[in-house]
Amino acid sequence: MTKNTNVPTNPDGPNLAAIEAAVRGTIDVLLGRGRTGKTTWARWAIERARAAGRSVAIADGDRNNATLGSFYPDASSPAASDDVTVAAWMEQQAESTILSRGRLVLDMAGGDRSFATLAERHAFNEVLPAEGVDLTAWYFLAGGRDDFETLAFMEALGFQPPRTAIVLNEGLAPAVPAGQDPFAAALRSEAVQQGQN
């Protein structure tokens, strides 16, 4: 058997390099149009994690309505709402998560496509996992025909992390007659049909 000479060993204690490599950070990116439940879900996830003693960094990327940040004094948000400042702030959030190997919840504004541009420029699908950070895209939908546009746009740019969740928020879906699916129209949308091909 060949010994891996790239991993330093310490005969007097644990292999710190191996332990560090096993600890991975996580970035949860919340995407979708406004009023689909992103911030409500973020608060639930943050509270559960903190109640269990886990540390969670909070990043409120909503340029116009920083609701998540209003609940948490330790939340980070961009200093200004221009594209350059927001992009630099998001890069800083990613870098901090890489260095800390912690968990970051990034709540983006409904319809804000600045994260998509940044993810495409830096190839987040490949770079973050290689740097020890797992990326999860959370798409929130409330039954509107245009709800899948953000998903289609992000995937067209190549932002397709292996950990992707689609949250169908039935509580915010339009009223439909009993026995009908409130998401049927959205699921028949062009964006979904293209994604299935």
N, C-alpha and C. Protein backbone atom coordinates (compact mmCIF):
# COMPACT_ATOMS: atom_id res chain seq x y z
N MET A 1 0.84 -1.16 0.00
CA MET A 1 0.00 0.00 0.00
C MET A 1 0.89 1.23 0.00
N THR A 2 0.53 2.22 -0.83
CA THR A 2 1.29 3.46 -0.94
C THR A 2 0.82 4.45 0.10
N LYS A 3 1.77 5.09 0.77
CA LYS A 3 1.43 6.09 1.77
C LYS A 3 1.23 7.43 1.08
N ASN A 4 0.18 8.15 1.45
CA ASN A 4 -0.08 9.47 0.91
C ASN A 4 0.86 10.44 1.59
N THR A 5 1.85 10.93 0.85
CA THR A 5 2.84 11.84 1.43
C THR A 5 2.36 13.28 1.43
N ASN A 6 1.19 13.55 0.85
CA ASN A 6 0.66 14.91 0.83
C ASN A 6 -0.03 15.29 2.14
N VAL A 7 -0.34 14.31 2.98
CA VAL A 7 -1.03 14.57 4.24
C VAL A 7 -0.03 14.41 5.37
N PRO A 8 0.32 15.52 6.05
CA PRO A 8 1.27 15.41 7.15
C PRO A 8 0.69 14.61 8.30
N THR A 9 1.54 13.87 8.96
CA THR A 9 1.10 13.08 10.11
C THR A 9 1.78 13.59 11.36
N ASN A 10 1.17 13.32 12.48
CA ASN A 10 1.70 13.74 13.76
C ASN A 10 1.63 12.52 14.67
N PRO A 11 2.78 11.87 14.95
CA PRO A 11 2.75 10.66 15.78
C PRO A 11 2.28 10.92 17.20
N ASP A 12 2.31 12.18 17.65
CA ASP A 12 1.92 12.50 19.02
C ASP A 12 0.46 12.92 19.16
N GLY A 13 -0.29 12.93 18.08
CA GLY A 13 -1.68 13.39 18.18
C GLY A 13 -2.43 13.19 16.88
N PRO A 14 -3.58 13.78 16.79
CA PRO A 14 -4.41 13.59 15.60
C PRO A 14 -3.82 14.25 14.37
N ASN A 15 -4.20 13.75 13.23
CA ASN A 15 -3.77 14.31 11.96
C ASN A 15 -4.65 15.53 11.69
N LEU A 16 -4.15 16.70 12.02
CA LEU A 16 -4.95 17.93 11.91
C LEU A 16 -5.32 18.25 10.47
N ALA A 17 -4.44 17.96 9.53
CA ALA A 17 -4.75 18.23 8.12
C ALA A 17 -5.92 17.37 7.65
N ALA A 18 -5.95 16.13 8.07
CA ALA A 18 -7.04 15.24 7.68
C ALA A 18 -8.36 15.67 8.33
N ILE A 19 -8.28 16.10 9.57
CA ILE A 19 -9.49 16.56 10.26
C ILE A 19 -10.02 17.81 9.58
N GLU A 20 -9.12 18.75 9.26
CA GLU A 20 -9.54 19.98 8.59
C GLU A 20 -10.17 19.68 7.23
N ALA A 21 -9.60 18.73 6.50
CA ALA A 21 -10.13 18.38 5.19
C ALA A 21 -11.52 17.75 5.29
N ALA A 22 -11.79 17.07 6.41
CA ALA A 22 -13.09 16.42 6.58
C ALA A 22 -14.19 17.41 6.97
N VAL A 23 -13.82 18.53 7.55
CA VAL A 23 -14.79 19.54 7.95
C VAL A 23 -15.09 20.42 6.75
N ARG A 24 -16.34 20.45 6.33
CA ARG A 24 -16.73 21.21 5.15
C ARG A 24 -17.66 22.34 5.57
N GLY A 25 -17.55 23.44 4.87
CA GLY A 25 -18.46 24.54 5.07
C GLY A 25 -19.70 24.34 4.20
N THR A 26 -20.70 25.18 4.43
CA THR A 26 -21.94 25.09 3.67
C THR A 26 -22.44 26.50 3.39
N ILE A 27 -22.85 26.72 2.15
CA ILE A 27 -23.55 27.95 1.79
C ILE A 27 -24.92 27.56 1.25
N ASP A 28 -25.96 28.07 1.92
CA ASP A 28 -27.33 27.88 1.46
C ASP A 28 -27.75 29.17 0.79
N VAL A 29 -27.98 29.13 -0.52
CA VAL A 29 -28.39 30.31 -1.28
C VAL A 29 -29.89 30.22 -1.53
N LEU A 30 -30.63 31.21 -1.03
CA LEU A 30 -32.08 31.22 -1.15
C LEU A 30 -32.46 32.10 -2.34
N LEU A 31 -33.14 31.51 -3.32
CA LEU A 31 -33.44 32.18 -4.58
C LEU A 31 -34.92 32.08 -4.91
N GLY A 32 -35.38 33.00 -5.72
CA GLY A 32 -36.77 33.00 -6.18
C GLY A 32 -37.34 34.39 -6.09
N ARG A 33 -38.51 34.57 -6.68
CA ARG A 33 -39.12 35.90 -6.66
C ARG A 33 -39.55 36.24 -5.24
N GLY A 34 -39.91 37.48 -5.00
CA GLY A 34 -40.34 37.92 -3.69
C GLY A 34 -41.64 37.28 -3.26
N ARG A 35 -41.85 37.23 -1.95
CA ARG A 35 -43.08 36.73 -1.35
C ARG A 35 -43.33 35.24 -1.65
N THR A 36 -42.24 34.45 -1.60
CA THR A 36 -42.39 33.01 -1.78
C THR A 36 -41.98 32.22 -0.53
N GLY A 37 -41.52 32.92 0.51
CA GLY A 37 -41.20 32.25 1.77
C GLY A 37 -39.72 32.08 2.05
N LYS A 38 -38.85 32.71 1.27
CA LYS A 38 -37.40 32.56 1.48
C LYS A 38 -36.97 32.99 2.88
N THR A 39 -37.36 34.19 3.27
CA THR A 39 -36.94 34.73 4.56
C THR A 39 -37.57 33.96 5.72
N THR A 40 -38.81 33.57 5.59
CA THR A 40 -39.46 32.78 6.64
C THR A 40 -38.74 31.46 6.83
N TRP A 41 -38.41 30.79 5.72
CA TRP A 41 -37.67 29.53 5.82
C TRP A 41 -36.29 29.76 6.43
N ALA A 42 -35.62 30.84 6.02
CA ALA A 42 -34.29 31.14 6.54
C ALA A 42 -34.33 31.30 8.06
N ARG A 43 -35.32 32.04 8.55
CA ARG A 43 -35.44 32.22 10.00
C ARG A 43 -35.64 30.89 10.70
N TRP A 44 -36.48 30.02 10.14
CA TRP A 44 -36.72 28.71 10.73
C TRP A 44 -35.42 27.90 10.78
N ALA A 45 -34.69 27.86 9.66
CA ALA A 45 -33.45 27.07 9.60
C ALA A 45 -32.39 27.63 10.55
N ILE A 46 -32.26 28.94 10.59
CA ILE A 46 -31.26 29.57 11.47
C ILE A 46 -31.59 29.28 12.94
N GLU A 47 -32.85 29.45 13.31
CA GLU A 47 -33.25 29.21 14.70
C GLU A 47 -33.03 27.76 15.11
N ARG A 48 -33.36 26.83 14.23
CA ARG A 48 -33.15 25.40 14.55
C ARG A 48 -31.66 25.11 14.73
N ALA A 49 -30.83 25.64 13.82
CA ALA A 49 -29.39 25.39 13.92
C ALA A 49 -28.82 25.99 15.19
N ARG A 50 -29.19 27.22 15.48
CA ARG A 50 -28.66 27.87 16.68
C ARG A 50 -29.18 27.20 17.95
N ALA A 51 -30.41 26.74 17.96
CA ALA A 51 -30.94 26.03 19.12
C ALA A 51 -30.17 24.74 19.38
N ALA A 52 -29.64 24.15 18.31
CA ALA A 52 -28.84 22.93 18.43
C ALA A 52 -27.37 23.23 18.72
N GLY A 53 -27.03 24.51 18.89
CA GLY A 53 -25.67 24.89 19.23
C GLY A 53 -24.74 25.07 18.04
N ARG A 54 -25.29 25.08 16.85
CA ARG A 54 -24.46 25.26 15.66
C ARG A 54 -24.38 26.74 15.28
N SER A 55 -23.24 27.13 14.80
CA SER A 55 -23.03 28.51 14.37
C SER A 55 -23.52 28.69 12.93
N VAL A 56 -24.21 29.78 12.69
CA VAL A 56 -24.70 30.09 11.35
C VAL A 56 -24.43 31.56 11.08
N ALA A 57 -23.73 31.84 9.99
CA ALA A 57 -23.56 33.22 9.55
C ALA A 57 -24.75 33.58 8.67
N ILE A 58 -25.19 34.83 8.78
CA ILE A 58 -26.37 35.27 8.04
C ILE A 58 -25.98 36.40 7.12
N ALA A 59 -26.36 36.26 5.87
CA ALA A 59 -26.08 37.29 4.87
C ALA A 59 -27.39 37.67 4.18
N ASP A 60 -27.78 38.92 4.36
CA ASP A 60 -29.02 39.41 3.75
C ASP A 60 -28.65 40.22 2.52
N GLY A 61 -28.85 39.61 1.35
CA GLY A 61 -28.47 40.24 0.10
C GLY A 61 -29.60 41.00 -0.57
N ASP A 62 -30.70 41.21 0.13
CA ASP A 62 -31.83 41.94 -0.45
C ASP A 62 -31.52 43.43 -0.43
N ARG A 63 -31.33 44.00 -1.60
CA ARG A 63 -30.92 45.40 -1.70
C ARG A 63 -32.02 46.37 -1.30
N ASN A 64 -33.26 45.98 -1.45
CA ASN A 64 -34.37 46.91 -1.23
C ASN A 64 -35.16 46.64 0.05
N ASN A 65 -35.10 45.42 0.55
CA ASN A 65 -35.93 45.05 1.70
C ASN A 65 -35.19 44.01 2.54
N ALA A 66 -34.25 44.47 3.33
CA ALA A 66 -33.39 43.56 4.11
C ALA A 66 -34.14 43.03 5.33
N THR A 67 -35.17 42.24 5.09
CA THR A 67 -36.01 41.73 6.16
C THR A 67 -35.25 40.77 7.07
N LEU A 68 -34.51 39.83 6.50
CA LEU A 68 -33.80 38.85 7.32
C LEU A 68 -32.84 39.55 8.28
N GLY A 69 -32.11 40.53 7.77
CA GLY A 69 -31.17 41.27 8.61
C GLY A 69 -31.83 42.01 9.75
N SER A 70 -33.09 42.37 9.59
CA SER A 70 -33.79 43.10 10.67
C SER A 70 -34.06 42.19 11.87
N PHE A 71 -34.03 40.88 11.68
CA PHE A 71 -34.27 39.95 12.78
C PHE A 71 -32.98 39.57 13.51
N TYR A 72 -31.84 39.76 12.87
CA TYR A 72 -30.57 39.30 13.43
C TYR A 72 -29.54 40.43 13.41
N PRO A 73 -29.16 40.95 14.56
CA PRO A 73 -28.17 42.03 14.59
C PRO A 73 -26.79 41.60 14.05
N ASP A 74 -26.52 40.29 14.04
CA ASP A 74 -25.23 39.81 13.55
C ASP A 74 -25.25 39.52 12.05
N ALA A 75 -26.35 39.82 11.37
CA ALA A 75 -26.44 39.58 9.92
C ALA A 75 -25.56 40.57 9.17
N SER A 76 -25.01 40.09 8.09
CA SER A 76 -24.21 40.93 7.21
C SER A 76 -25.06 41.35 6.02
N SER A 77 -24.80 42.55 5.51
CA SER A 77 -25.47 43.01 4.30
C SER A 77 -24.52 43.95 3.57
N PRO A 78 -24.71 44.12 2.26
CA PRO A 78 -23.81 45.01 1.51
C PRO A 78 -23.93 46.45 2.00
N ALA A 79 -22.82 47.18 1.94
CA ALA A 79 -22.79 48.57 2.41
C ALA A 79 -23.58 49.50 1.50
N ALA A 80 -23.73 49.13 0.25
CA ALA A 80 -24.48 49.92 -0.72
C ALA A 80 -25.18 48.97 -1.67
N SER A 81 -26.12 49.48 -2.46
CA SER A 81 -26.92 48.60 -3.30
C SER A 81 -26.45 48.53 -4.76
N ASP A 82 -25.34 49.16 -5.09
CA ASP A 82 -24.87 49.09 -6.48
C ASP A 82 -24.26 47.72 -6.76
N ASP A 83 -24.24 47.33 -8.03
CA ASP A 83 -23.78 46.00 -8.43
C ASP A 83 -22.36 45.68 -7.97
N VAL A 84 -21.45 46.65 -8.07
CA VAL A 84 -20.05 46.42 -7.71
C VAL A 84 -19.93 46.12 -6.22
N THR A 85 -20.61 46.90 -5.39
CA THR A 85 -20.54 46.70 -3.94
C THR A 85 -21.16 45.36 -3.54
N VAL A 86 -22.30 45.03 -4.14
CA VAL A 86 -22.97 43.78 -3.82
C VAL A 86 -22.11 42.59 -4.23
N ALA A 87 -21.49 42.66 -5.41
CA ALA A 87 -20.62 41.57 -5.88
C ALA A 87 -19.43 41.39 -4.94
N ALA A 88 -18.80 42.49 -4.53
CA ALA A 88 -17.65 42.41 -3.62
C ALA A 88 -18.08 41.83 -2.28
N TRP A 89 -19.25 42.23 -1.80
CA TRP A 89 -19.78 41.71 -0.54
C TRP A 89 -20.02 40.20 -0.63
N MET A 90 -20.62 39.74 -1.73
CA MET A 90 -20.88 38.30 -1.88
C MET A 90 -19.56 37.52 -1.97
N GLU A 91 -18.58 38.06 -2.67
CA GLU A 91 -17.27 37.40 -2.73
C GLU A 91 -16.68 37.28 -1.33
N GLN A 92 -16.82 38.33 -0.52
CA GLN A 92 -16.32 38.31 0.85
C GLN A 92 -17.04 37.23 1.68
N GLN A 93 -18.35 37.09 1.48
CA GLN A 93 -19.11 36.07 2.21
C GLN A 93 -18.61 34.67 1.84
N ALA A 94 -18.39 34.43 0.55
CA ALA A 94 -17.90 33.13 0.10
C ALA A 94 -16.50 32.87 0.67
N GLU A 95 -15.63 33.86 0.60
CA GLU A 95 -14.26 33.70 1.11
C GLU A 95 -14.27 33.42 2.61
N SER A 96 -15.10 34.11 3.35
CA SER A 96 -15.18 33.90 4.79
C SER A 96 -15.65 32.48 5.11
N THR A 97 -16.60 31.97 4.32
CA THR A 97 -17.09 30.61 4.54
C THR A 97 -16.01 29.59 4.19
N ILE A 98 -15.24 29.84 3.16
CA ILE A 98 -14.13 28.95 2.81
C ILE A 98 -13.13 28.89 3.96
N LEU A 99 -12.79 30.04 4.51
CA LEU A 99 -11.79 30.08 5.58
C LEU A 99 -12.31 29.50 6.89
N SER A 100 -13.57 29.75 7.22
CA SER A 100 -14.10 29.30 8.50
C SER A 100 -14.65 27.88 8.47
N ARG A 101 -14.96 27.39 7.25
CA ARG A 101 -15.64 26.11 7.09
C ARG A 101 -16.94 26.09 7.90
N GLY A 102 -17.59 27.24 7.98
CA GLY A 102 -18.84 27.35 8.71
C GLY A 102 -20.04 27.22 7.79
N ARG A 103 -21.17 27.65 8.29
CA ARG A 103 -22.42 27.61 7.52
C ARG A 103 -22.87 29.05 7.29
N LEU A 104 -23.27 29.34 6.06
CA LEU A 104 -23.76 30.65 5.68
C LEU A 104 -25.13 30.50 5.04
N VAL A 105 -26.09 31.29 5.50
CA VAL A 105 -27.39 31.38 4.85
C VAL A 105 -27.41 32.72 4.12
N LEU A 106 -27.51 32.66 2.79
CA LEU A 106 -27.50 33.86 1.94
C LEU A 106 -28.88 34.05 1.35
N ASP A 107 -29.59 35.07 1.81
CA ASP A 107 -30.95 35.37 1.36
C ASP A 107 -30.84 36.46 0.29
N MET A 108 -31.18 36.10 -0.94
CA MET A 108 -31.13 37.06 -2.04
C MET A 108 -32.52 37.62 -2.31
N ALA A 109 -32.55 38.84 -2.80
CA ALA A 109 -33.82 39.50 -3.11
C ALA A 109 -34.53 38.79 -4.25
N GLY A 110 -35.84 38.84 -4.22
CA GLY A 110 -36.62 38.27 -5.32
C GLY A 110 -36.25 38.94 -6.63
N GLY A 111 -35.86 38.15 -7.59
CA GLY A 111 -35.51 38.68 -8.91
C GLY A 111 -34.10 39.23 -9.04
N ASP A 112 -33.34 39.30 -7.95
CA ASP A 112 -31.97 39.82 -8.03
C ASP A 112 -31.09 38.76 -8.68
N ARG A 113 -30.44 39.15 -9.75
CA ARG A 113 -29.63 38.19 -10.50
C ARG A 113 -28.13 38.40 -10.31
N SER A 114 -27.77 39.21 -9.32
CA SER A 114 -26.35 39.47 -9.09
C SER A 114 -25.61 38.22 -8.64
N PHE A 115 -26.26 37.36 -7.86
CA PHE A 115 -25.60 36.11 -7.44
C PHE A 115 -25.32 35.25 -8.66
N ALA A 116 -26.24 35.22 -9.61
CA ALA A 116 -26.04 34.42 -10.83
C ALA A 116 -24.80 34.87 -11.58
N THR A 117 -24.64 36.17 -11.70
CA THR A 117 -23.47 36.72 -12.39
C THR A 117 -22.19 36.33 -11.67
N LEU A 118 -22.19 36.46 -10.35
CA LEU A 118 -21.02 36.12 -9.56
C LEU A 118 -20.72 34.62 -9.63
N ALA A 119 -21.76 33.79 -9.53
CA ALA A 119 -21.57 32.34 -9.59
C ALA A 119 -21.01 31.93 -10.93
N GLU A 120 -21.46 32.57 -12.00
CA GLU A 120 -20.94 32.26 -13.33
C GLU A 120 -19.48 32.70 -13.46
N ARG A 121 -19.17 33.91 -13.00
CA ARG A 121 -17.82 34.46 -13.12
C ARG A 121 -16.80 33.61 -12.36
N HIS A 122 -17.17 33.12 -11.19
CA HIS A 122 -16.24 32.37 -10.35
C HIS A 122 -16.42 30.86 -10.40
N ALA A 123 -17.32 30.38 -11.25
CA ALA A 123 -17.57 28.94 -11.39
C ALA A 123 -17.79 28.31 -10.02
N PHE A 124 -18.74 28.87 -9.26
CA PHE A 124 -19.01 28.39 -7.90
C PHE A 124 -19.31 26.90 -7.85
N ASN A 125 -19.92 26.34 -8.90
CA ASN A 125 -20.23 24.90 -8.90
C ASN A 125 -18.98 24.07 -8.66
N GLU A 126 -17.85 24.51 -9.19
CA GLU A 126 -16.61 23.76 -9.07
C GLU A 126 -15.69 24.29 -7.98
N VAL A 127 -15.58 25.62 -7.88
CA VAL A 127 -14.60 26.23 -6.98
C VAL A 127 -14.94 25.99 -5.52
N LEU A 128 -16.18 26.26 -5.13
CA LEU A 128 -16.52 26.11 -3.70
C LEU A 128 -16.35 24.68 -3.20
N PRO A 129 -16.85 23.66 -3.89
CA PRO A 129 -16.61 22.29 -3.39
C PRO A 129 -15.12 21.95 -3.32
N ALA A 130 -14.34 22.43 -4.28
CA ALA A 130 -12.90 22.17 -4.25
C ALA A 130 -12.23 22.85 -3.06
N GLU A 131 -12.84 23.93 -2.59
CA GLU A 131 -12.30 24.67 -1.43
C GLU A 131 -12.91 24.21 -0.11
N GLY A 132 -13.68 23.12 -0.15
CA GLY A 132 -14.23 22.57 1.09
C GLY A 132 -15.57 23.14 1.50
N VAL A 133 -16.32 23.72 0.55
CA VAL A 133 -17.62 24.31 0.86
C VAL A 133 -18.68 23.68 -0.03
N ASP A 134 -19.71 23.11 0.60
CA ASP A 134 -20.84 22.57 -0.14
C ASP A 134 -21.84 23.68 -0.39
N LEU A 135 -22.33 23.74 -1.58
CA LEU A 135 -23.26 24.79 -2.00
C LEU A 135 -24.62 24.17 -2.24
N THR A 136 -25.66 24.76 -1.65
CA THR A 136 -27.02 24.31 -1.88
C THR A 136 -27.84 25.47 -2.41
N ALA A 137 -28.49 25.27 -3.53
CA ALA A 137 -29.41 26.27 -4.08
C ALA A 137 -30.82 25.89 -3.64
N TRP A 138 -31.50 26.82 -3.01
CA TRP A 138 -32.88 26.63 -2.56
C TRP A 138 -33.75 27.56 -3.39
N TYR A 139 -34.61 26.99 -4.22
CA TYR A 139 -35.53 27.78 -5.04
C TYR A 139 -36.91 27.72 -4.40
N PHE A 140 -37.47 28.89 -4.13
CA PHE A 140 -38.77 28.98 -3.48
C PHE A 140 -39.83 29.39 -4.49
N LEU A 141 -40.93 28.65 -4.53
CA LEU A 141 -42.00 28.87 -5.50
C LEU A 141 -43.34 28.93 -4.77
N ALA A 142 -44.22 29.79 -5.28
CA ALA A 142 -45.53 29.94 -4.66
C ALA A 142 -46.66 29.69 -5.66
N GLY A 143 -46.38 29.00 -6.74
CA GLY A 143 -47.44 28.61 -7.66
C GLY A 143 -47.66 29.52 -8.85
N GLY A 144 -46.90 30.61 -8.94
CA GLY A 144 -47.05 31.50 -10.10
C GLY A 144 -46.39 30.92 -11.34
N ARG A 145 -46.93 31.26 -12.51
CA ARG A 145 -46.38 30.73 -13.76
C ARG A 145 -44.92 31.16 -13.97
N ASP A 146 -44.55 32.30 -13.43
CA ASP A 146 -43.19 32.79 -13.62
C ASP A 146 -42.24 32.38 -12.51
N ASP A 147 -42.70 31.58 -11.56
CA ASP A 147 -41.85 31.19 -10.43
C ASP A 147 -40.59 30.44 -10.85
N PHE A 148 -40.65 29.70 -11.95
CA PHE A 148 -39.50 28.91 -12.36
C PHE A 148 -38.49 29.71 -13.18
N GLU A 149 -38.78 30.98 -13.46
CA GLU A 149 -37.86 31.77 -14.28
C GLU A 149 -36.48 31.90 -13.65
N THR A 150 -36.43 32.11 -12.33
CA THR A 150 -35.12 32.22 -11.67
C THR A 150 -34.34 30.93 -11.81
N LEU A 151 -34.99 29.80 -11.60
CA LEU A 151 -34.33 28.50 -11.75
C LEU A 151 -33.81 28.32 -13.17
N ALA A 152 -34.65 28.62 -14.16
CA ALA A 152 -34.24 28.47 -15.56
C ALA A 152 -33.08 29.40 -15.89
N PHE A 153 -33.13 30.64 -15.41
CA PHE A 153 -32.06 31.61 -15.66
C PHE A 153 -30.75 31.14 -15.05
N MET A 154 -30.79 30.72 -13.79
CA MET A 154 -29.57 30.28 -13.10
C MET A 154 -28.97 29.05 -13.78
N GLU A 155 -29.81 28.09 -14.14
CA GLU A 155 -29.30 26.89 -14.79
C GLU A 155 -28.76 27.19 -16.18
N ALA A 156 -29.36 28.13 -16.89
CA ALA A 156 -28.86 28.51 -18.21
C ALA A 156 -27.46 29.11 -18.11
N LEU A 157 -27.17 29.76 -16.99
CA LEU A 157 -25.83 30.32 -16.78
C LEU A 157 -24.83 29.26 -16.33
N GLY A 158 -25.32 28.06 -16.04
CA GLY A 158 -24.43 26.99 -15.60
C GLY A 158 -24.40 26.81 -14.10
N PHE A 159 -25.23 27.56 -13.36
CA PHE A 159 -25.29 27.40 -11.91
C PHE A 159 -26.20 26.22 -11.61
N GLN A 160 -25.58 25.05 -11.43
CA GLN A 160 -26.31 23.81 -11.23
C GLN A 160 -25.63 22.98 -10.15
N PRO A 161 -25.64 23.49 -8.91
CA PRO A 161 -24.97 22.71 -7.86
C PRO A 161 -25.68 21.37 -7.67
N PRO A 162 -24.94 20.33 -7.32
CA PRO A 162 -25.56 19.02 -7.15
C PRO A 162 -26.59 19.00 -6.02
N ARG A 163 -26.47 19.93 -5.09
CA ARG A 163 -27.44 20.04 -3.99
C ARG A 163 -28.39 21.19 -4.32
N THR A 164 -29.52 20.85 -4.90
CA THR A 164 -30.53 21.84 -5.28
C THR A 164 -31.88 21.38 -4.74
N ALA A 165 -32.58 22.31 -4.10
CA ALA A 165 -33.90 22.00 -3.55
C ALA A 165 -34.91 22.97 -4.15
N ILE A 166 -36.08 22.46 -4.47
CA ILE A 166 -37.18 23.29 -4.93
C ILE A 166 -38.27 23.19 -3.88
N VAL A 167 -38.59 24.34 -3.28
CA VAL A 167 -39.59 24.39 -2.21
C VAL A 167 -40.88 24.93 -2.81
N LEU A 168 -41.90 24.08 -2.85
CA LEU A 168 -43.22 24.48 -3.34
C LEU A 168 -44.03 24.92 -2.12
N ASN A 169 -44.16 26.22 -1.95
CA ASN A 169 -44.80 26.78 -0.76
C ASN A 169 -46.31 26.85 -0.97
N GLU A 170 -46.99 25.79 -0.59
CA GLU A 170 -48.43 25.69 -0.79
C GLU A 170 -49.20 26.76 -0.01
N GLY A 171 -48.65 27.21 1.11
CA GLY A 171 -49.32 28.23 1.90
C GLY A 171 -49.45 29.56 1.19
N LEU A 172 -48.60 29.81 0.20
CA LEU A 172 -48.65 31.06 -0.55
C LEU A 172 -49.17 30.88 -1.97
N ALA A 173 -49.52 29.66 -2.32
CA ALA A 173 -50.00 29.38 -3.68
C ALA A 173 -51.39 29.97 -3.88
N PRO A 174 -51.73 30.31 -5.14
CA PRO A 174 -53.07 30.83 -5.41
C PRO A 174 -54.14 29.78 -5.10
N ALA A 175 -55.30 30.27 -4.70
CA ALA A 175 -56.40 29.36 -4.38
C ALA A 175 -56.86 28.64 -5.64
N VAL A 176 -57.10 27.35 -5.50
CA VAL A 176 -57.62 26.54 -6.61
C VAL A 176 -58.75 25.68 -6.07
N PRO A 177 -59.62 25.21 -6.95
CA PRO A 177 -60.70 24.33 -6.48
C PRO A 177 -60.14 23.07 -5.82
N ALA A 178 -60.91 22.53 -4.90
CA ALA A 178 -60.52 21.31 -4.19
C ALA A 178 -60.15 20.22 -5.18
N GLY A 179 -59.08 19.52 -4.88
CA GLY A 179 -58.63 18.42 -5.72
C GLY A 179 -57.69 18.82 -6.83
N GLN A 180 -57.46 20.13 -7.01
CA GLN A 180 -56.53 20.58 -8.05
C GLN A 180 -55.19 20.93 -7.42
N ASP A 181 -54.14 20.83 -8.21
CA ASP A 181 -52.79 21.12 -7.76
C ASP A 181 -52.49 22.60 -7.99
N PRO A 182 -52.19 23.36 -6.92
CA PRO A 182 -51.90 24.78 -7.11
C PRO A 182 -50.62 25.05 -7.90
N PHE A 183 -49.81 24.02 -8.08
CA PHE A 183 -48.56 24.20 -8.81
C PHE A 183 -48.61 23.65 -10.23
N ALA A 184 -49.77 23.15 -10.65
CA ALA A 184 -49.90 22.53 -11.98
C ALA A 184 -49.49 23.49 -13.09
N ALA A 185 -49.96 24.73 -13.05
CA ALA A 185 -49.63 25.69 -14.11
C ALA A 185 -48.13 25.98 -14.13
N ALA A 186 -47.53 26.15 -12.94
CA ALA A 186 -46.10 26.43 -12.88
C ALA A 186 -45.29 25.25 -13.40
N LEU A 187 -45.73 24.05 -13.06
CA LEU A 187 -45.00 22.86 -13.50
C LEU A 187 -45.12 22.62 -15.00
N ARG A 188 -46.13 23.21 -15.65
CA ARG A 188 -46.26 23.11 -17.11
C ARG A 188 -45.56 24.25 -17.83
N SER A 189 -44.92 25.15 -17.08
CA SER A 189 -44.30 26.33 -17.69
C SER A 189 -43.16 25.92 -18.62
N GLU A 190 -42.82 26.82 -19.51
CA GLU A 190 -41.75 26.58 -20.47
C GLU A 190 -40.42 26.31 -19.77
N ALA A 191 -40.14 27.03 -18.67
CA ALA A 191 -38.89 26.85 -17.94
C ALA A 191 -38.75 25.43 -17.42
N VAL A 192 -39.84 24.87 -16.89
CA VAL A 192 -39.79 23.50 -16.37
C VAL A 192 -39.64 22.52 -17.52
N GLN A 193 -40.38 22.71 -18.59
CA GLN A 193 -40.30 21.80 -19.72
C GLN A 193 -38.90 21.78 -20.31
N GLN A 194 -38.24 22.93 -20.38
CA GLN A 194 -36.87 22.98 -20.89
C GLN A 194 -35.93 22.25 -19.95
N GLY A 195 -36.15 22.38 -18.66
CA GLY A 195 -35.29 21.72 -17.68
C GLY A 195 -35.41 20.20 -17.70
N GLN A 196 -36.54 19.69 -18.17
CA GLN A 196 -36.73 18.24 -18.22
C GLN A 196 -36.12 17.63 -19.47
N ASN A 197 -35.74 18.44 -20.42
CA ASN A 197 -35.16 17.91 -21.67
C ASN A 197 -33.68 17.68 -21.55
